[in-house]
Amino acid sequence: MTPFLTTPRLTLRPLALRDTDAMFTMLSDDETMRFWDWPAFKDREVVNDVVAAQLRDVDAGTAMYWAVALTPKGEAIGSCDLSDIDRHHKRAEVGFLFSRAYWGNGYAREAMQAIVDFATEDLRIARLWARFHTGNAASQRLLERLGFSREGTLRGHILRDGARRDCEIYARMR
């Protein structure tokens, strides 16, 4: 079960279907989705299906998804997750996406620090890793500030808009 987490400025609450509209705002923005595996989604129903699939992963115990808001009941300004949770090997992937209107305020770092702390302290996850598209300097800086370091490049890992894209793998050990 995904717990509530708080930081000095943010509430990270379990993602819910009611967050679909806020997620659509993020996932439908071309600039926000520039370094994503998929182009911007233009159909709200597809985003509803994405959120529903994420909630099924939570129910299966393989992921935790948070809606990041400025107040406990506020609209989501971003989302963060732990996915591919492997409790035997004590590892998980981290991810984050924030609405462009909130970029540059340190919210992603603050929220992700809460996720890293929760994963390492409460879940006893020893290895956290992240994948991002080569050229996404903002994600690279954020991960490095959180103590992640580069492990390698996945060449041609993503097929997007008819072209293969490389992805970088960054990780940190507890």
N, C-alpha and C. Protein backbone atom coordinates (compact mmCIF):
# COMPACT_ATOMS: atom_id res chain seq x y z
N MET A 1 0.84 -1.18 0.00
CA MET A 1 0.00 0.00 0.00
C MET A 1 0.88 1.25 0.00
N THR A 2 0.52 2.19 -0.81
CA THR A 2 1.29 3.42 -0.94
C THR A 2 0.96 4.36 0.23
N PRO A 3 1.95 4.75 1.01
CA PRO A 3 1.68 5.62 2.16
C PRO A 3 1.68 7.10 1.77
N PHE A 4 1.08 7.91 2.61
CA PHE A 4 1.20 9.36 2.49
C PHE A 4 2.60 9.75 2.93
N LEU A 5 3.23 10.66 2.21
CA LEU A 5 4.52 11.22 2.59
C LEU A 5 4.39 12.73 2.55
N THR A 6 5.12 13.41 3.42
CA THR A 6 5.09 14.87 3.42
C THR A 6 6.51 15.42 3.45
N THR A 7 6.64 16.60 2.90
CA THR A 7 7.89 17.36 2.93
C THR A 7 7.51 18.74 3.45
N PRO A 8 8.47 19.62 3.64
CA PRO A 8 8.10 20.96 4.11
C PRO A 8 7.09 21.68 3.22
N ARG A 9 7.11 21.41 1.90
CA ARG A 9 6.20 22.13 1.00
C ARG A 9 5.20 21.26 0.27
N LEU A 10 5.32 19.94 0.39
CA LEU A 10 4.54 19.06 -0.48
C LEU A 10 3.85 17.95 0.29
N THR A 11 2.77 17.47 -0.29
CA THR A 11 2.11 16.25 0.15
C THR A 11 2.20 15.25 -0.99
N LEU A 12 2.70 14.07 -0.69
CA LEU A 12 2.72 12.98 -1.65
C LEU A 12 1.67 11.99 -1.17
N ARG A 13 0.58 11.91 -1.92
CA ARG A 13 -0.51 11.02 -1.53
C ARG A 13 -0.65 9.92 -2.57
N PRO A 14 -1.21 8.79 -2.18
CA PRO A 14 -1.37 7.70 -3.15
C PRO A 14 -2.15 8.18 -4.38
N LEU A 15 -1.64 7.86 -5.54
CA LEU A 15 -2.31 8.20 -6.79
C LEU A 15 -3.69 7.56 -6.80
N ALA A 16 -4.68 8.28 -7.32
CA ALA A 16 -6.05 7.78 -7.40
C ALA A 16 -6.64 8.17 -8.75
N LEU A 17 -7.72 7.52 -9.13
CA LEU A 17 -8.37 7.85 -10.40
C LEU A 17 -8.78 9.32 -10.46
N ARG A 18 -9.03 9.93 -9.32
CA ARG A 18 -9.41 11.35 -9.32
C ARG A 18 -8.27 12.25 -9.79
N ASP A 19 -7.06 11.71 -9.88
CA ASP A 19 -5.91 12.47 -10.35
C ASP A 19 -5.76 12.45 -11.88
N THR A 20 -6.70 11.79 -12.57
CA THR A 20 -6.59 11.66 -14.02
C THR A 20 -6.54 13.01 -14.72
N ASP A 21 -7.36 13.96 -14.31
CA ASP A 21 -7.35 15.28 -14.98
C ASP A 21 -5.99 15.96 -14.84
N ALA A 22 -5.43 15.93 -13.64
CA ALA A 22 -4.11 16.54 -13.43
C ALA A 22 -3.04 15.78 -14.20
N MET A 23 -3.14 14.47 -14.24
CA MET A 23 -2.19 13.68 -15.01
C MET A 23 -2.33 13.99 -16.50
N PHE A 24 -3.56 14.19 -16.96
CA PHE A 24 -3.77 14.55 -18.36
C PHE A 24 -3.08 15.87 -18.69
N THR A 25 -3.13 16.83 -17.77
CA THR A 25 -2.45 18.11 -17.98
C THR A 25 -0.97 17.88 -18.25
N MET A 26 -0.36 17.00 -17.48
CA MET A 26 1.07 16.71 -17.67
C MET A 26 1.31 15.89 -18.92
N LEU A 27 0.57 14.80 -19.06
CA LEU A 27 0.84 13.84 -20.12
C LEU A 27 0.40 14.31 -21.50
N SER A 28 -0.36 15.39 -21.57
CA SER A 28 -0.79 15.92 -22.87
C SER A 28 0.09 17.08 -23.35
N ASP A 29 1.04 17.49 -22.53
CA ASP A 29 1.90 18.62 -22.86
C ASP A 29 3.13 18.14 -23.64
N ASP A 30 3.30 18.64 -24.87
CA ASP A 30 4.40 18.20 -25.72
C ASP A 30 5.77 18.43 -25.08
N GLU A 31 5.96 19.56 -24.44
CA GLU A 31 7.27 19.87 -23.84
C GLU A 31 7.54 18.97 -22.63
N THR A 32 6.53 18.75 -21.80
CA THR A 32 6.70 17.87 -20.65
C THR A 32 7.06 16.46 -21.11
N MET A 33 6.49 16.03 -22.22
CA MET A 33 6.67 14.66 -22.71
C MET A 33 7.83 14.52 -23.70
N ARG A 34 8.60 15.57 -23.90
CA ARG A 34 9.68 15.56 -24.89
C ARG A 34 10.67 14.42 -24.66
N PHE A 35 10.97 14.11 -23.41
CA PHE A 35 11.93 13.04 -23.09
C PHE A 35 11.23 11.82 -22.50
N TRP A 36 10.04 11.56 -22.92
CA TRP A 36 9.26 10.44 -22.40
C TRP A 36 9.25 9.32 -23.43
N ASP A 37 8.88 8.11 -23.01
CA ASP A 37 8.85 6.98 -23.94
C ASP A 37 7.75 7.11 -24.99
N TRP A 38 6.72 7.87 -24.67
CA TRP A 38 5.58 8.04 -25.56
C TRP A 38 5.40 9.53 -25.86
N PRO A 39 4.87 9.85 -27.04
CA PRO A 39 4.54 11.26 -27.28
C PRO A 39 3.38 11.67 -26.39
N ALA A 40 3.12 12.96 -26.34
CA ALA A 40 2.03 13.48 -25.52
C ALA A 40 0.72 12.78 -25.85
N PHE A 41 -0.04 12.45 -24.82
CA PHE A 41 -1.35 11.81 -24.99
C PHE A 41 -2.40 12.89 -25.21
N LYS A 42 -3.19 12.75 -26.24
CA LYS A 42 -4.21 13.76 -26.54
C LYS A 42 -5.62 13.29 -26.19
N ASP A 43 -5.73 12.06 -25.71
CA ASP A 43 -7.02 11.47 -25.37
C ASP A 43 -7.08 11.23 -23.86
N ARG A 44 -7.98 11.91 -23.20
CA ARG A 44 -8.12 11.81 -21.74
C ARG A 44 -8.41 10.36 -21.32
N GLU A 45 -9.16 9.62 -22.12
CA GLU A 45 -9.50 8.24 -21.77
C GLU A 45 -8.25 7.35 -21.74
N VAL A 46 -7.29 7.61 -22.60
CA VAL A 46 -6.03 6.86 -22.60
C VAL A 46 -5.28 7.13 -21.29
N VAL A 47 -5.28 8.39 -20.84
CA VAL A 47 -4.62 8.71 -19.58
C VAL A 47 -5.35 8.03 -18.42
N ASN A 48 -6.66 7.97 -18.47
CA ASN A 48 -7.41 7.24 -17.45
C ASN A 48 -6.97 5.78 -17.42
N ASP A 49 -6.76 5.18 -18.59
CA ASP A 49 -6.30 3.80 -18.67
C ASP A 49 -4.89 3.65 -18.10
N VAL A 50 -4.02 4.64 -18.34
CA VAL A 50 -2.66 4.62 -17.80
C VAL A 50 -2.71 4.63 -16.27
N VAL A 51 -3.51 5.54 -15.71
CA VAL A 51 -3.63 5.63 -14.25
C VAL A 51 -4.21 4.33 -13.69
N ALA A 52 -5.22 3.78 -14.36
CA ALA A 52 -5.81 2.52 -13.90
C ALA A 52 -4.79 1.39 -13.92
N ALA A 53 -3.94 1.34 -14.93
CA ALA A 53 -2.89 0.31 -15.00
C ALA A 53 -1.88 0.50 -13.87
N GLN A 54 -1.54 1.74 -13.56
CA GLN A 54 -0.62 1.99 -12.46
C GLN A 54 -1.23 1.52 -11.14
N LEU A 55 -2.53 1.75 -10.97
CA LEU A 55 -3.19 1.32 -9.74
C LEU A 55 -3.25 -0.21 -9.64
N ARG A 56 -3.35 -0.89 -10.78
CA ARG A 56 -3.29 -2.36 -10.76
C ARG A 56 -1.90 -2.83 -10.32
N ASP A 57 -0.85 -2.13 -10.76
CA ASP A 57 0.51 -2.47 -10.32
C ASP A 57 0.65 -2.28 -8.81
N VAL A 58 0.02 -1.24 -8.28
CA VAL A 58 0.04 -1.02 -6.82
C VAL A 58 -0.65 -2.19 -6.13
N ASP A 59 -1.82 -2.56 -6.63
CA ASP A 59 -2.55 -3.68 -6.03
C ASP A 59 -1.74 -4.98 -6.08
N ALA A 60 -0.94 -5.15 -7.12
CA ALA A 60 -0.12 -6.36 -7.26
C ALA A 60 1.13 -6.30 -6.38
N GLY A 61 1.42 -5.14 -5.79
CA GLY A 61 2.57 -5.01 -4.91
C GLY A 61 3.88 -4.77 -5.61
N THR A 62 3.83 -4.45 -6.92
CA THR A 62 5.06 -4.25 -7.68
C THR A 62 5.41 -2.78 -7.88
N ALA A 63 4.53 -1.88 -7.40
CA ALA A 63 4.79 -0.45 -7.60
C ALA A 63 4.05 0.37 -6.55
N MET A 64 4.52 1.59 -6.40
CA MET A 64 3.85 2.60 -5.59
C MET A 64 3.88 3.89 -6.40
N TYR A 65 2.72 4.53 -6.52
CA TYR A 65 2.61 5.78 -7.28
C TYR A 65 2.03 6.85 -6.38
N TRP A 66 2.65 8.02 -6.44
CA TRP A 66 2.20 9.16 -5.65
C TRP A 66 1.78 10.32 -6.55
N ALA A 67 0.72 11.00 -6.15
CA ALA A 67 0.36 12.29 -6.71
C ALA A 67 1.02 13.31 -5.79
N VAL A 68 1.75 14.25 -6.37
CA VAL A 68 2.45 15.27 -5.59
C VAL A 68 1.61 16.55 -5.65
N ALA A 69 1.27 17.09 -4.48
CA ALA A 69 0.42 18.28 -4.42
C ALA A 69 0.99 19.27 -3.42
N LEU A 70 0.58 20.53 -3.56
CA LEU A 70 1.04 21.58 -2.65
C LEU A 70 0.30 21.55 -1.32
N THR A 71 -0.88 20.93 -1.30
CA THR A 71 -1.67 20.78 -0.07
C THR A 71 -2.23 19.36 -0.05
N PRO A 72 -2.62 18.86 1.13
CA PRO A 72 -3.09 17.48 1.20
C PRO A 72 -4.24 17.14 0.25
N LYS A 73 -5.12 18.08 -0.02
CA LYS A 73 -6.25 17.79 -0.91
C LYS A 73 -6.14 18.53 -2.24
N GLY A 74 -4.98 19.13 -2.49
CA GLY A 74 -4.80 19.91 -3.70
C GLY A 74 -4.62 19.06 -4.95
N GLU A 75 -4.74 19.71 -6.08
CA GLU A 75 -4.54 19.05 -7.37
C GLU A 75 -3.08 18.64 -7.52
N ALA A 76 -2.87 17.53 -8.16
CA ALA A 76 -1.52 17.05 -8.39
C ALA A 76 -0.76 17.98 -9.32
N ILE A 77 0.47 18.32 -8.92
CA ILE A 77 1.37 19.11 -9.76
C ILE A 77 2.45 18.22 -10.38
N GLY A 78 2.48 16.97 -9.92
CA GLY A 78 3.46 16.02 -10.41
C GLY A 78 3.14 14.63 -9.89
N SER A 79 3.97 13.70 -10.31
CA SER A 79 3.83 12.33 -9.80
C SER A 79 5.22 11.74 -9.65
N CYS A 80 5.32 10.82 -8.71
CA CYS A 80 6.57 10.09 -8.45
C CYS A 80 6.21 8.63 -8.24
N ASP A 81 7.18 7.78 -8.46
CA ASP A 81 6.87 6.37 -8.27
C ASP A 81 8.09 5.54 -7.91
N LEU A 82 7.79 4.42 -7.32
CA LEU A 82 8.70 3.29 -7.18
C LEU A 82 8.05 2.19 -8.00
N SER A 83 8.76 1.65 -8.97
CA SER A 83 8.20 0.59 -9.79
C SER A 83 9.20 -0.56 -9.88
N ASP A 84 8.74 -1.64 -10.46
CA ASP A 84 9.56 -2.85 -10.54
C ASP A 84 10.18 -3.17 -9.18
N ILE A 85 9.37 -3.04 -8.14
CA ILE A 85 9.85 -3.31 -6.79
C ILE A 85 10.15 -4.80 -6.65
N ASP A 86 11.37 -5.10 -6.29
CA ASP A 86 11.81 -6.48 -6.07
C ASP A 86 12.27 -6.58 -4.63
N ARG A 87 11.40 -7.11 -3.79
CA ARG A 87 11.70 -7.17 -2.36
C ARG A 87 12.79 -8.19 -2.03
N HIS A 88 12.91 -9.24 -2.82
CA HIS A 88 13.96 -10.23 -2.58
C HIS A 88 15.34 -9.61 -2.81
N HIS A 89 15.51 -8.94 -3.94
CA HIS A 89 16.81 -8.35 -4.26
C HIS A 89 16.94 -6.92 -3.71
N LYS A 90 15.88 -6.44 -3.06
CA LYS A 90 15.88 -5.12 -2.42
C LYS A 90 16.27 -4.02 -3.41
N ARG A 91 15.51 -3.97 -4.54
CA ARG A 91 15.77 -2.96 -5.56
C ARG A 91 14.45 -2.47 -6.14
N ALA A 92 14.51 -1.27 -6.70
CA ALA A 92 13.34 -0.69 -7.35
C ALA A 92 13.78 0.44 -8.27
N GLU A 93 12.94 0.72 -9.25
CA GLU A 93 13.15 1.85 -10.15
C GLU A 93 12.38 3.05 -9.60
N VAL A 94 12.94 4.25 -9.75
CA VAL A 94 12.24 5.48 -9.38
C VAL A 94 11.90 6.25 -10.64
N GLY A 95 10.82 7.02 -10.55
CA GLY A 95 10.43 7.85 -11.67
C GLY A 95 9.72 9.10 -11.18
N PHE A 96 9.67 10.11 -12.04
CA PHE A 96 9.04 11.37 -11.67
C PHE A 96 8.63 12.12 -12.92
N LEU A 97 7.56 12.89 -12.80
CA LEU A 97 7.07 13.74 -13.88
C LEU A 97 6.32 14.89 -13.22
N PHE A 98 6.63 16.11 -13.64
CA PHE A 98 5.98 17.28 -13.06
C PHE A 98 5.40 18.17 -14.14
N SER A 99 4.29 18.79 -13.82
CA SER A 99 3.66 19.73 -14.73
C SER A 99 4.62 20.89 -15.01
N ARG A 100 4.71 21.29 -16.27
CA ARG A 100 5.68 22.31 -16.67
C ARG A 100 5.50 23.62 -15.89
N ALA A 101 4.29 23.94 -15.50
CA ALA A 101 4.03 25.18 -14.75
C ALA A 101 4.78 25.20 -13.41
N TYR A 102 5.24 24.04 -12.94
CA TYR A 102 5.89 23.95 -11.63
C TYR A 102 7.38 23.63 -11.73
N TRP A 103 7.92 23.61 -12.93
CA TRP A 103 9.36 23.38 -13.10
C TRP A 103 10.15 24.53 -12.51
N GLY A 104 11.34 24.23 -12.04
CA GLY A 104 12.26 25.26 -11.57
C GLY A 104 12.04 25.71 -10.13
N ASN A 105 11.17 25.04 -9.40
CA ASN A 105 10.89 25.41 -8.01
C ASN A 105 11.49 24.44 -6.99
N GLY A 106 12.18 23.43 -7.46
CA GLY A 106 12.77 22.44 -6.56
C GLY A 106 11.78 21.40 -6.06
N TYR A 107 10.56 21.39 -6.61
CA TYR A 107 9.56 20.43 -6.14
C TYR A 107 9.95 18.99 -6.47
N ALA A 108 10.48 18.76 -7.67
CA ALA A 108 10.84 17.40 -8.05
C ALA A 108 11.92 16.85 -7.11
N ARG A 109 12.91 17.67 -6.81
CA ARG A 109 13.98 17.20 -5.91
C ARG A 109 13.42 16.93 -4.51
N GLU A 110 12.59 17.81 -4.02
CA GLU A 110 12.02 17.64 -2.69
C GLU A 110 11.17 16.37 -2.62
N ALA A 111 10.34 16.15 -3.62
CA ALA A 111 9.49 14.96 -3.64
C ALA A 111 10.33 13.70 -3.80
N MET A 112 11.30 13.74 -4.69
CA MET A 112 12.11 12.55 -4.91
C MET A 112 13.00 12.22 -3.71
N GLN A 113 13.43 13.24 -2.98
CA GLN A 113 14.19 12.96 -1.75
C GLN A 113 13.32 12.20 -0.76
N ALA A 114 12.04 12.57 -0.68
CA ALA A 114 11.11 11.85 0.20
C ALA A 114 10.94 10.40 -0.25
N ILE A 115 10.88 10.18 -1.55
CA ILE A 115 10.74 8.82 -2.08
C ILE A 115 12.00 8.01 -1.78
N VAL A 116 13.17 8.60 -2.02
CA VAL A 116 14.44 7.91 -1.76
C VAL A 116 14.54 7.55 -0.27
N ASP A 117 14.22 8.51 0.59
CA ASP A 117 14.27 8.25 2.04
C ASP A 117 13.32 7.13 2.43
N PHE A 118 12.09 7.19 1.94
CA PHE A 118 11.10 6.16 2.24
C PHE A 118 11.58 4.78 1.76
N ALA A 119 12.07 4.74 0.52
CA ALA A 119 12.50 3.46 -0.05
C ALA A 119 13.66 2.85 0.72
N THR A 120 14.64 3.67 1.07
CA THR A 120 15.83 3.13 1.73
C THR A 120 15.61 2.88 3.21
N GLU A 121 14.87 3.75 3.88
CA GLU A 121 14.69 3.61 5.33
C GLU A 121 13.54 2.68 5.70
N ASP A 122 12.38 2.89 5.09
CA ASP A 122 11.20 2.12 5.47
C ASP A 122 11.10 0.78 4.75
N LEU A 123 11.37 0.78 3.45
CA LEU A 123 11.29 -0.46 2.68
C LEU A 123 12.59 -1.25 2.67
N ARG A 124 13.67 -0.61 3.13
CA ARG A 124 15.00 -1.23 3.16
C ARG A 124 15.47 -1.62 1.75
N ILE A 125 15.11 -0.80 0.77
CA ILE A 125 15.58 -0.99 -0.60
C ILE A 125 17.05 -0.58 -0.63
N ALA A 126 17.90 -1.46 -1.13
CA ALA A 126 19.34 -1.18 -1.14
C ALA A 126 19.79 -0.54 -2.45
N ARG A 127 19.08 -0.82 -3.54
CA ARG A 127 19.47 -0.30 -4.84
C ARG A 127 18.28 0.37 -5.51
N LEU A 128 18.44 1.65 -5.79
CA LEU A 128 17.45 2.40 -6.55
C LEU A 128 18.07 2.76 -7.89
N TRP A 129 17.28 2.68 -8.95
CA TRP A 129 17.80 3.03 -10.26
C TRP A 129 16.75 3.82 -11.03
N ALA A 130 17.23 4.55 -12.01
CA ALA A 130 16.35 5.36 -12.85
C ALA A 130 16.85 5.31 -14.28
N ARG A 131 15.92 5.47 -15.20
CA ARG A 131 16.24 5.49 -16.62
C ARG A 131 15.66 6.77 -17.21
N PHE A 132 16.47 7.46 -18.02
CA PHE A 132 15.96 8.65 -18.70
C PHE A 132 16.59 8.75 -20.08
N HIS A 133 15.91 9.47 -20.96
CA HIS A 133 16.39 9.61 -22.33
C HIS A 133 17.66 10.45 -22.36
N THR A 134 18.64 10.00 -23.15
CA THR A 134 19.87 10.74 -23.33
C THR A 134 19.54 12.16 -23.79
N GLY A 135 20.17 13.13 -23.16
CA GLY A 135 19.91 14.53 -23.48
C GLY A 135 18.99 15.22 -22.49
N ASN A 136 18.38 14.48 -21.59
CA ASN A 136 17.50 15.07 -20.59
C ASN A 136 18.36 15.55 -19.41
N ALA A 137 18.95 16.73 -19.60
CA ALA A 137 19.89 17.28 -18.62
C ALA A 137 19.24 17.54 -17.27
N ALA A 138 17.96 17.93 -17.26
CA ALA A 138 17.29 18.22 -15.99
C ALA A 138 17.16 16.96 -15.13
N SER A 139 16.78 15.85 -15.74
CA SER A 139 16.68 14.59 -14.99
C SER A 139 18.05 14.14 -14.51
N GLN A 140 19.05 14.29 -15.36
CA GLN A 140 20.41 13.92 -14.97
C GLN A 140 20.86 14.71 -13.75
N ARG A 141 20.67 16.03 -13.77
CA ARG A 141 21.07 16.88 -12.63
C ARG A 141 20.33 16.48 -11.36
N LEU A 142 19.02 16.26 -11.48
CA LEU A 142 18.23 15.89 -10.31
C LEU A 142 18.73 14.59 -9.71
N LEU A 143 18.94 13.59 -10.53
CA LEU A 143 19.40 12.30 -10.01
C LEU A 143 20.78 12.42 -9.38
N GLU A 144 21.66 13.18 -10.00
CA GLU A 144 22.99 13.36 -9.41
C GLU A 144 22.90 14.06 -8.05
N ARG A 145 22.02 15.03 -7.92
CA ARG A 145 21.84 15.72 -6.63
C ARG A 145 21.30 14.78 -5.57
N LEU A 146 20.60 13.74 -6.00
CA LEU A 146 20.05 12.74 -5.07
C LEU A 146 21.01 11.60 -4.79
N GLY A 147 22.23 11.70 -5.30
CA GLY A 147 23.24 10.68 -5.02
C GLY A 147 23.30 9.55 -6.02
N PHE A 148 22.60 9.66 -7.14
CA PHE A 148 22.66 8.66 -8.19
C PHE A 148 23.89 8.92 -9.06
N SER A 149 24.44 7.87 -9.62
CA SER A 149 25.55 8.03 -10.55
C SER A 149 25.30 7.18 -11.80
N ARG A 150 25.95 7.59 -12.86
CA ARG A 150 25.75 6.95 -14.16
C ARG A 150 26.32 5.54 -14.15
N GLU A 151 25.53 4.61 -14.68
CA GLU A 151 25.99 3.23 -14.83
C GLU A 151 26.18 2.84 -16.29
N GLY A 152 25.48 3.49 -17.21
CA GLY A 152 25.65 3.12 -18.61
C GLY A 152 24.55 3.65 -19.50
N THR A 153 24.65 3.29 -20.76
CA THR A 153 23.71 3.71 -21.78
C THR A 153 23.04 2.48 -22.39
N LEU A 154 21.74 2.54 -22.51
CA LEU A 154 20.98 1.53 -23.22
C LEU A 154 20.78 2.05 -24.64
N ARG A 155 21.56 1.56 -25.57
CA ARG A 155 21.54 2.05 -26.95
C ARG A 155 20.24 1.65 -27.65
N GLY A 156 19.61 2.63 -28.27
CA GLY A 156 18.39 2.38 -29.04
C GLY A 156 17.29 1.73 -28.24
N HIS A 157 17.20 2.04 -26.98
CA HIS A 157 16.28 1.37 -26.06
C HIS A 157 14.81 1.67 -26.34
N ILE A 158 14.52 2.87 -26.82
CA ILE A 158 13.15 3.31 -27.03
C ILE A 158 12.93 3.63 -28.50
N LEU A 159 11.78 3.20 -29.03
CA LEU A 159 11.36 3.60 -30.36
C LEU A 159 10.28 4.66 -30.19
N ARG A 160 10.59 5.87 -30.59
CA ARG A 160 9.65 6.98 -30.41
C ARG A 160 9.60 7.79 -31.70
N ASP A 161 8.42 7.99 -32.21
CA ASP A 161 8.21 8.78 -33.43
C ASP A 161 9.08 8.27 -34.58
N GLY A 162 9.21 6.96 -34.68
CA GLY A 162 9.94 6.35 -35.78
C GLY A 162 11.46 6.34 -35.63
N ALA A 163 11.98 6.83 -34.52
CA ALA A 163 13.44 6.87 -34.31
C ALA A 163 13.79 6.16 -33.01
N ARG A 164 14.95 5.53 -32.99
CA ARG A 164 15.44 4.87 -31.79
C ARG A 164 16.09 5.92 -30.90
N ARG A 165 15.87 5.81 -29.61
CA ARG A 165 16.46 6.72 -28.63
C ARG A 165 17.28 5.93 -27.62
N ASP A 166 18.41 6.51 -27.24
CA ASP A 166 19.22 5.94 -26.18
C ASP A 166 18.68 6.38 -24.83
N CYS A 167 18.90 5.58 -23.82
CA CYS A 167 18.53 5.93 -22.44
C CYS A 167 19.75 5.74 -21.55
N GLU A 168 19.83 6.58 -20.55
CA GLU A 168 20.88 6.50 -19.54
C GLU A 168 20.33 5.79 -18.31
N ILE A 169 21.18 4.98 -17.70
CA ILE A 169 20.83 4.33 -16.44
C ILE A 169 21.68 4.95 -15.33
N TYR A 170 20.98 5.42 -14.30
CA TYR A 170 21.62 5.96 -13.12
C TYR A 170 21.14 5.16 -11.91
N ALA A 171 21.99 4.99 -10.92
CA ALA A 171 21.59 4.22 -9.74
C ALA A 171 22.32 4.74 -8.50
N ARG A 172 21.79 4.32 -7.37
CA ARG A 172 22.44 4.60 -6.08
C ARG A 172 22.21 3.40 -5.19
N MET A 173 23.21 3.16 -4.35
CA MET A 173 23.14 2.08 -3.37
C MET A 173 23.03 2.71 -1.99
N ARG A 174 22.28 2.05 -1.14
CA ARG A 174 22.12 2.54 0.23
C ARG A 174 23.41 2.40 0.96
